[in-house]
Amino acid sequence: MKLLLVSVLLCAVMVLTPAACEYCCKGCKYMSFCTSLHNKSPFNVLNCLVLTDKVDSSGAGDLIPTGISDQVNMSSCCPHGWTRFNRRCFVYIPTAMNWAHAERNCRSMGAHLASVHSSSEYHLIQKLTGPYGYKTTWIGGTNASGKHVWLWTDGSCFSYTHWCPGEPNNGCGNQHCLQINYSGSKCWDDVQCDSHRPSICARKISRHLG
């Protein structure tokens, strides 16, 4: 039985300065299933962190990149089972998986683990977890740099937060992924990325590409 490595792009298509890119690329040393790419172009610096999600699979031994330009047909309406809020569609995934696997699963649907930019968005996301008991759930925040810089996997600005008191604390030095619904306050917490949680995916609404 061979080992299939499936890559998940993080910080995809983010335009950073050379110094910021180098800083972000160092983050992979903090994750056992992470490698980094540092790609310079004549016009800018594109930085990607690639999380490799290890899956046993017979007959498969190559690294399979997901790429950052997957073609997805998206209509002006949300897919069945998704909830529309403002210009995005959200869906709760009850299957528990590690953070990298959850991001890969979202990407397979033309989405990312959800980013949150306002209290109203966060309340919507919490509402989606309600029928399942408000379990701790993955969203798209990660501290892959191992420092205090948090990023969203969809490349949007990390401006809104709802951390629990004393969080993020990077307990044991290896908590680099963001879970919601932590503690009685149902706030945000950093936790080990190889923990298994349900997840929330989000995708933009756009006109049909076909």
Foldseek 3Di string as FASTA:
>chain_A
DAKEWEKFKFLFFAFDAPVVQVLLQQLQVLAPQWHWDWDDDPPTTGTIIIGIDIDDDPPDHDYDYPDDDDDDWFALDDPPQWPDDDFKTKHWFFFWFFQRVQQVVLVVNVWGFDDDDDPVRVVVVQVNCVVVPSDWAFGAWWPSSLDPDIAGRVNDDNDDAFADVPPPPCPVSRFTTWIFLPDPVRGIYTGHRRGIHITMIMHGHDHTPD
